[in-house]
């Protein structure tokens, strides 16, 4: 079987000690997430609720486009197991290894309760973004299409409605390594090239718990050669991680021309991304399906100057169009 590097037709970049192609297959919408609306989620579920349908698209990406690296996840076990099975079947059909970037949640607890996706965590994010981005951030988050999708019709959480975590409470944060072992068990048998701690790093950084970040990264490095981290609030979190010299090999964060899901504002986030000393992998380059074609990848590679880009997959037609656009931009660069 060819390695993912031998099978790639895409130029590579180096992150830590690992060489990866500059184009990476994302997991959406195979995990049910469209970033559009519930109706689109339902359509995607019906389109991709069988392994063979996902395998068909992955096989095209590998054989025709030469994209041989993919993100994997454990957050939605039923669909994520289907995705892992499709990756394995694609490897057998193409005789080509698919390199894997594993997204791994960080189980942060406060007094025994998981807090990373709590309303108080979101209020903490809002407070730090507002402090840096001011009214421009407040206006942006209320209009952001992906935020609206994530809320699903619910109310936006802010310090005006929910109190952020206090310094005293943050001092009691812990990482539950027993839960983490369960997360890692989901990937048993997978040859993971890059481990990607979840965007819970934002909460730990904003509350000053760099000690927990370092402990967590040290734990992962005993198992994985290359460790990056996801960041969902680049303008706030990246400077904090860089100032603290947190030992990650790179970052994975949202980059797209409209600035969708880039916080606190597009320009502040872009400035932070351009200032970091480590490679950046862009996610959501097409703004959740709202900014398509060559222009999407021209922005992330030529304007934002990222090392690599991960993009959502979808139907065979969608992936054909996206891979043609993305590879053309890279070839012209």
Protein backbone atom coordinates (compact mmCIF):
# COMPACT_ATOMS: atom_id res chain seq x y z
CA UNK A 1 0.00 0.00 0.00
CA UNK A 2 1.27 3.46 -0.88
CA UNK A 3 1.76 5.87 1.99
CA UNK A 4 -0.37 8.99 2.08
CA UNK A 5 2.66 10.94 0.88
CA UNK A 6 3.39 8.58 -2.00
CA UNK A 7 -0.25 8.74 -3.10
CA UNK A 8 -0.56 12.51 -2.86
CA UNK A 9 -0.64 14.77 -5.92
CA UNK A 10 -0.64 17.86 -3.70
CA UNK A 11 2.46 19.76 -2.64
CA UNK A 12 3.30 19.21 1.01
CA UNK A 13 4.17 21.29 4.03
CA UNK A 14 5.87 20.33 7.28
CA UNK A 15 4.12 20.63 10.63
CA UNK A 16 6.29 19.60 13.54
CA UNK A 17 7.99 16.39 12.42
CA UNK A 18 5.20 15.49 10.01
CA UNK A 19 4.88 16.16 6.32
CA UNK A 20 1.29 16.61 5.11
CA UNK A 21 -0.36 17.66 1.85
CA UNK A 22 -1.53 21.27 1.81
CA UNK A 23 -5.11 20.18 1.09
CA UNK A 24 -6.93 18.08 3.68
CA UNK A 25 -10.33 16.42 3.58
CA UNK A 26 -12.58 17.72 6.35
CA UNK A 27 -15.18 15.59 8.10
CA UNK A 28 -18.22 17.79 7.42
CA UNK A 29 -20.91 17.03 6.33
CA UNK A 30 -20.30 13.31 6.90
CA UNK A 31 -20.78 13.89 10.63
CA UNK A 32 -24.15 15.55 9.97
CA UNK A 33 -22.93 19.15 10.16
CA UNK A 34 -23.77 21.41 7.19
CA UNK A 35 -23.26 24.86 8.77
CA UNK A 36 -26.39 25.80 6.83
CA UNK A 37 -29.62 24.75 8.58
CA UNK A 38 -31.48 21.74 9.97
CA UNK A 39 -33.01 20.97 6.59
CA UNK A 40 -29.58 20.75 4.97
CA UNK A 41 -28.35 18.61 7.87
CA UNK A 42 -31.21 16.21 7.23
CA UNK A 43 -30.47 16.09 3.49
CA UNK A 44 -26.81 15.36 4.22
CA UNK A 45 -27.67 12.64 6.70
CA UNK A 46 -29.84 10.90 4.12
CA UNK A 47 -27.16 11.33 1.46
CA UNK A 48 -24.30 10.00 3.58
CA UNK A 49 -25.83 7.56 6.07
CA UNK A 50 -24.29 4.59 4.27
CA UNK A 51 -20.58 3.81 4.13
CA UNK A 52 -20.57 3.24 0.37
CA UNK A 53 -21.81 6.74 -0.37
CA UNK A 54 -19.02 8.33 1.64
CA UNK A 55 -16.44 5.93 0.21
CA UNK A 56 -17.40 6.93 -3.34
CA UNK A 57 -16.49 10.54 -2.66
CA UNK A 58 -13.34 9.80 -0.68
CA UNK A 59 -12.17 7.49 -3.46
CA UNK A 60 -12.52 10.31 -5.99
CA UNK A 61 -10.55 12.66 -3.73
CA UNK A 62 -7.72 10.13 -3.43
CA UNK A 63 -7.57 8.76 -6.99
CA UNK A 64 -8.44 11.81 -9.06
CA UNK A 65 -7.39 14.77 -6.93
CA UNK A 66 -4.59 13.06 -5.02
CA UNK A 67 -5.79 14.39 -1.65
CA UNK A 68 -4.70 11.75 0.83
CA UNK A 69 -5.13 13.26 4.29
CA UNK A 70 -8.38 13.53 6.26
CA UNK A 71 -9.72 14.80 9.55
CA UNK A 72 -11.36 12.29 11.88
CA UNK A 73 -13.49 12.97 14.94
CA UNK A 74 -15.16 11.22 17.88
CA UNK A 75 -17.87 13.71 18.88
CA UNK A 76 -20.79 11.96 17.12
CA UNK A 77 -19.89 8.26 17.40
CA UNK A 78 -22.50 6.79 15.04
CA UNK A 79 -21.58 8.95 12.05
CA UNK A 80 -17.90 9.19 12.98
CA UNK A 81 -17.60 5.39 12.99
CA UNK A 82 -19.21 5.33 9.57
CA UNK A 83 -16.62 7.87 8.41
CA UNK A 84 -13.75 5.77 9.78
CA UNK A 85 -15.13 2.72 8.00
CA UNK A 86 -15.36 4.69 4.75
CA UNK A 87 -11.74 5.78 5.14
CA UNK A 88 -10.64 2.17 5.68
CA UNK A 89 -12.61 0.96 2.64
CA UNK A 90 -11.18 3.78 0.52
CA UNK A 91 -7.67 2.74 1.51
CA UNK A 92 -8.37 -0.82 0.41
CA UNK A 93 -9.92 0.25 -2.89
CA UNK A 94 -7.16 2.70 -3.78
CA UNK A 95 -4.26 0.80 -2.20
CA UNK A 96 -3.33 4.13 -0.62
CA UNK A 97 -3.03 5.07 3.03
CA UNK A 98 -5.05 8.10 4.12
CA UNK A 99 -3.16 10.26 6.60
CA UNK A 100 -5.24 11.14 9.65
CA UNK A 101 -5.62 14.30 11.73
CA UNK A 102 -7.58 13.41 14.87
CA UNK A 103 -9.71 16.05 16.58
CA UNK A 104 -9.70 15.22 20.30
CA UNK A 105 -11.97 17.02 22.76
CA UNK A 106 -10.44 18.26 26.01
CA UNK A 107 -12.69 17.15 28.90
CA UNK A 108 -12.40 20.21 31.15
CA UNK A 109 -14.30 19.87 34.42
CA UNK A 110 -15.27 22.18 37.27
CA UNK A 111 -16.13 20.35 40.47
CA UNK A 112 -16.69 17.18 38.47
CA UNK A 113 -18.93 18.68 35.77
CA UNK A 114 -17.86 19.04 32.13
CA UNK A 115 -17.78 22.75 31.27
CA UNK A 116 -16.19 23.21 27.85
CA UNK A 117 -19.52 23.63 26.02
CA UNK A 118 -21.43 25.27 28.85
CA UNK A 119 -23.20 28.60 28.56
CA UNK A 120 -20.71 30.04 31.02
CA UNK A 121 -17.84 29.03 28.73
CA UNK A 122 -19.54 30.84 25.84
CA UNK A 123 -20.07 33.86 28.06
CA UNK A 124 -16.36 33.81 28.91
CA UNK A 125 -15.52 33.77 25.20
CA UNK A 126 -17.89 36.69 24.59
CA UNK A 127 -16.32 38.76 27.37
CA UNK A 128 -12.76 38.33 26.09
CA UNK A 129 -13.74 38.97 22.47
CA UNK A 130 -15.73 42.06 23.41
CA UNK A 131 -12.78 43.37 25.42
CA UNK A 132 -10.59 43.14 22.32
CA UNK A 133 -13.06 43.74 19.49
CA UNK A 134 -15.50 46.14 21.12
CA UNK A 135 -18.75 47.01 19.41
CA UNK A 136 -17.53 45.62 16.10
CA UNK A 137 -17.36 42.17 17.67
CA UNK A 138 -20.77 42.54 19.30
CA UNK A 139 -22.31 43.46 15.95
CA UNK A 140 -20.46 40.70 14.11
CA UNK A 141 -21.36 37.81 16.38
CA UNK A 142 -25.04 38.67 16.19
CA UNK A 143 -24.88 38.53 12.39
CA UNK A 144 -22.49 35.60 11.93
CA UNK A 145 -24.13 32.86 9.86
CA UNK A 146 -22.30 29.94 11.49
CA UNK A 147 -23.01 31.26 14.98
CA UNK A 148 -26.68 31.43 13.99
CA UNK A 149 -26.52 27.84 12.75
CA UNK A 150 -24.84 26.65 15.96
CA UNK A 151 -27.47 28.38 18.07
CA UNK A 152 -30.24 26.61 16.16
CA UNK A 153 -32.72 29.34 16.97
CA UNK A 154 -31.54 29.68 20.57
CA UNK A 155 -30.46 32.87 22.26
CA UNK A 156 -26.93 34.24 22.08
CA UNK A 157 -25.09 33.90 25.39
CA UNK A 158 -23.23 36.94 26.72
CA UNK A 159 -22.12 38.26 30.12
CA UNK A 160 -25.37 40.23 30.19
CA UNK A 161 -27.31 36.97 30.42
CA UNK A 162 -24.88 34.42 31.90
CA UNK A 163 -21.89 35.14 34.16
CA UNK A 164 -18.45 34.21 32.78
CA UNK A 165 -16.21 31.95 34.83
CA UNK A 166 -14.44 33.75 37.63
CA UNK A 167 -10.72 33.54 38.33
CA UNK A 168 -11.47 31.49 41.43
CA UNK A 169 -13.57 29.02 39.46
CA UNK A 170 -10.97 28.74 36.69
CA UNK A 171 -8.40 27.85 39.33
CA UNK A 172 -10.52 24.74 40.04
CA UNK A 173 -10.64 23.58 36.41
CA UNK A 174 -9.28 20.09 35.85
CA UNK A 175 -8.86 17.77 32.88
CA UNK A 176 -10.54 14.39 33.32
CA UNK A 177 -7.98 11.98 31.88
CA UNK A 178 -10.27 8.99 32.42
CA UNK A 179 -12.80 10.54 30.02
CA UNK A 180 -9.95 11.42 27.68
CA UNK A 181 -8.86 7.78 27.55
CA UNK A 182 -12.37 6.97 26.32
CA UNK A 183 -12.06 9.58 23.59
CA UNK A 184 -8.72 8.17 22.50
CA UNK A 185 -10.13 4.66 22.54
CA UNK A 186 -12.44 5.68 19.71
CA UNK A 187 -9.38 5.89 17.48
CA UNK A 188 -7.98 2.47 18.39
CA UNK A 189 -6.32 0.94 15.35
CA UNK A 190 -5.96 4.26 13.53
CA UNK A 191 -2.52 5.43 12.42
CA UNK A 192 -2.78 9.08 13.41
CA UNK A 193 -0.26 11.48 11.91
CA UNK A 194 -1.37 14.61 13.81
CA UNK A 195 -3.28 14.96 17.09
CA UNK A 196 -5.45 18.05 17.32
CA UNK A 197 -6.66 19.06 20.79
CA UNK A 198 -10.09 20.62 20.57
CA UNK A 199 -10.91 24.29 20.73
CA UNK A 200 -11.42 23.98 24.49
CA UNK A 201 -7.90 25.39 24.44
CA UNK A 202 -9.66 28.76 24.01
CA UNK A 203 -11.27 28.45 27.44
CA UNK A 204 -8.07 27.39 29.16
CA UNK A 205 -6.05 30.18 27.53
CA UNK A 206 -8.61 32.90 28.24
CA UNK A 207 -8.78 31.89 31.90
CA UNK A 208 -5.01 31.68 32.27
CA UNK A 209 -4.80 27.91 32.81
CA UNK A 210 -1.67 27.45 30.75
CA UNK A 211 -0.51 24.86 33.28
CA UNK A 212 -3.38 22.58 32.23
CA UNK A 213 -2.62 23.19 28.56
CA UNK A 214 1.01 22.18 29.06
CA UNK A 215 0.06 19.08 31.05
CA UNK A 216 -2.45 18.05 28.40
CA UNK A 217 -0.01 18.53 25.54
CA UNK A 218 2.65 16.56 27.42
CA UNK A 219 0.15 13.72 27.79
CA UNK A 220 -0.60 13.72 24.06
CA UNK A 221 3.06 13.86 23.09
CA UNK A 222 3.63 10.55 24.85
CA UNK A 223 1.31 9.05 22.23
CA UNK A 224 1.57 11.21 19.11
CA UNK A 225 4.58 12.58 17.26
CA UNK A 226 2.94 15.81 16.10
CA UNK A 227 0.44 17.84 18.14
CA UNK A 228 -1.34 20.98 16.98
CA UNK A 229 -4.36 22.69 18.49
CA UNK A 230 -7.68 23.98 17.24
CA UNK A 231 -8.53 27.59 18.05
CA UNK A 232 -11.98 29.12 17.54
CA UNK A 233 -11.14 32.64 18.72
CA UNK A 234 -7.90 33.30 16.87
CA UNK A 235 -7.64 37.01 17.61
CA UNK A 236 -7.78 36.39 21.35
CA UNK A 237 -6.24 32.96 21.82
CA UNK A 238 -3.33 32.84 19.37
CA UNK A 239 -1.47 35.79 20.93
CA UNK A 240 -1.94 34.24 24.38
CA UNK A 241 -0.53 30.88 23.26
CA UNK A 242 2.36 32.53 21.44
CA UNK A 243 3.22 34.78 24.38
CA UNK A 244 3.24 31.78 26.70
CA UNK A 245 5.31 29.78 24.19
CA UNK A 246 2.89 26.87 24.38
CA UNK A 247 4.63 23.85 22.81
CA UNK A 248 2.33 22.98 19.92
CA UNK A 249 3.53 22.29 16.39
CA UNK A 250 0.85 24.39 14.69
CA UNK A 251 -2.66 25.75 14.80
CA UNK A 252 -5.95 24.92 13.12
CA UNK A 253 -8.39 27.83 12.89
CA UNK A 254 -11.08 29.44 10.76
CA UNK A 255 -9.91 31.47 7.77
CA UNK A 256 -12.19 32.76 5.01
CA UNK A 257 -12.66 35.94 3.03
CA UNK A 258 -16.06 36.94 4.50
CA UNK A 259 -14.70 36.53 8.03
CA UNK A 260 -17.42 34.07 8.98
CA UNK A 261 -16.72 32.54 12.41
CA UNK A 262 -13.48 34.53 12.74
CA UNK A 263 -13.31 36.26 16.13
CA UNK A 264 -13.34 38.84 17.50
CA UNK A 265 -13.27 40.37 14.01
CA UNK A 266 -11.87 39.20 10.71
CA UNK A 267 -9.03 41.71 10.72
CA UNK A 268 -7.97 41.07 14.30
CA UNK A 269 -8.05 37.32 13.67
CA UNK A 270 -6.09 37.65 10.43
CA UNK A 271 -3.45 39.79 12.10
CA UNK A 272 -3.01 37.18 14.82
CA UNK A 273 -2.81 34.37 12.24
CA UNK A 274 -0.16 36.20 10.24
CA UNK A 275 1.92 36.92 13.35
CA UNK A 276 2.26 33.35 14.66
CA UNK A 277 5.56 31.56 14.37
CA UNK A 278 4.06 28.15 13.64
CA UNK A 279 2.17 26.69 10.65
CA UNK A 280 -1.57 27.35 10.41
CA UNK A 281 -4.16 25.02 8.88
CA UNK A 282 -7.21 26.94 7.69
CA UNK A 283 -10.67 25.51 8.29
CA UNK A 284 -14.00 26.72 6.90
CA UNK A 285 -12.28 28.32 3.86
CA UNK A 286 -15.65 28.38 2.08
CA UNK A 287 -17.41 29.99 5.07
CA UNK A 288 -19.67 27.00 5.58
CA UNK A 289 -20.62 26.74 1.90
CA UNK A 290 -21.19 30.48 1.45
CA UNK A 291 -18.03 31.48 -0.42
CA UNK A 292 -17.05 28.98 -3.10
CA UNK A 293 -14.58 28.38 -5.91
CA UNK A 294 -11.10 29.60 -6.67
CA UNK A 295 -11.55 32.83 -4.73
CA UNK A 296 -11.97 30.92 -1.46
CA UNK A 297 -8.60 29.23 -1.77
CA UNK A 298 -6.88 32.28 -3.23
CA UNK A 299 -7.76 34.05 -0.01
CA UNK A 300 -6.51 31.41 2.41
CA UNK A 301 -3.29 30.65 0.54
CA UNK A 302 -2.39 34.01 -1.00
CA UNK A 303 -3.90 36.54 1.41
CA UNK A 304 -3.80 34.72 4.75
CA UNK A 305 -0.69 32.75 3.74
CA UNK A 306 -1.59 29.60 5.65
CA UNK A 307 0.39 26.38 5.41
CA UNK A 308 -2.57 24.14 4.54
CA UNK A 309 -6.34 24.15 4.24
CA UNK A 310 -8.96 21.67 5.37
CA UNK A 311 -12.25 21.85 3.47
CA UNK A 312 -15.69 20.27 3.78
CA UNK A 313 -16.46 17.43 1.42
CA UNK A 314 -20.08 16.69 0.43
CA UNK A 315 -21.39 15.10 -2.75
CA UNK A 316 -19.19 13.87 -5.56
CA UNK A 317 -20.17 16.89 -7.66
CA UNK A 318 -19.31 19.29 -4.84
CA UNK A 319 -15.98 17.64 -4.17
CA UNK A 320 -15.08 17.61 -7.86
CA UNK A 321 -15.69 21.36 -8.08
CA UNK A 322 -13.90 22.16 -4.83
CA UNK A 323 -10.83 20.04 -5.48
CA UNK A 324 -10.45 21.49 -8.97
CA UNK A 325 -10.55 25.01 -7.57
CA UNK A 326 -8.22 24.29 -4.67
CA UNK A 327 -5.61 22.41 -6.69
CA UNK A 328 -5.63 25.05 -9.43
CA UNK A 329 -4.84 27.76 -6.89
CA UNK A 330 -1.97 25.77 -5.41
CA UNK A 331 -0.54 24.96 -8.83
CA UNK A 332 -0.65 28.62 -9.84
CA UNK A 333 1.02 29.84 -6.67
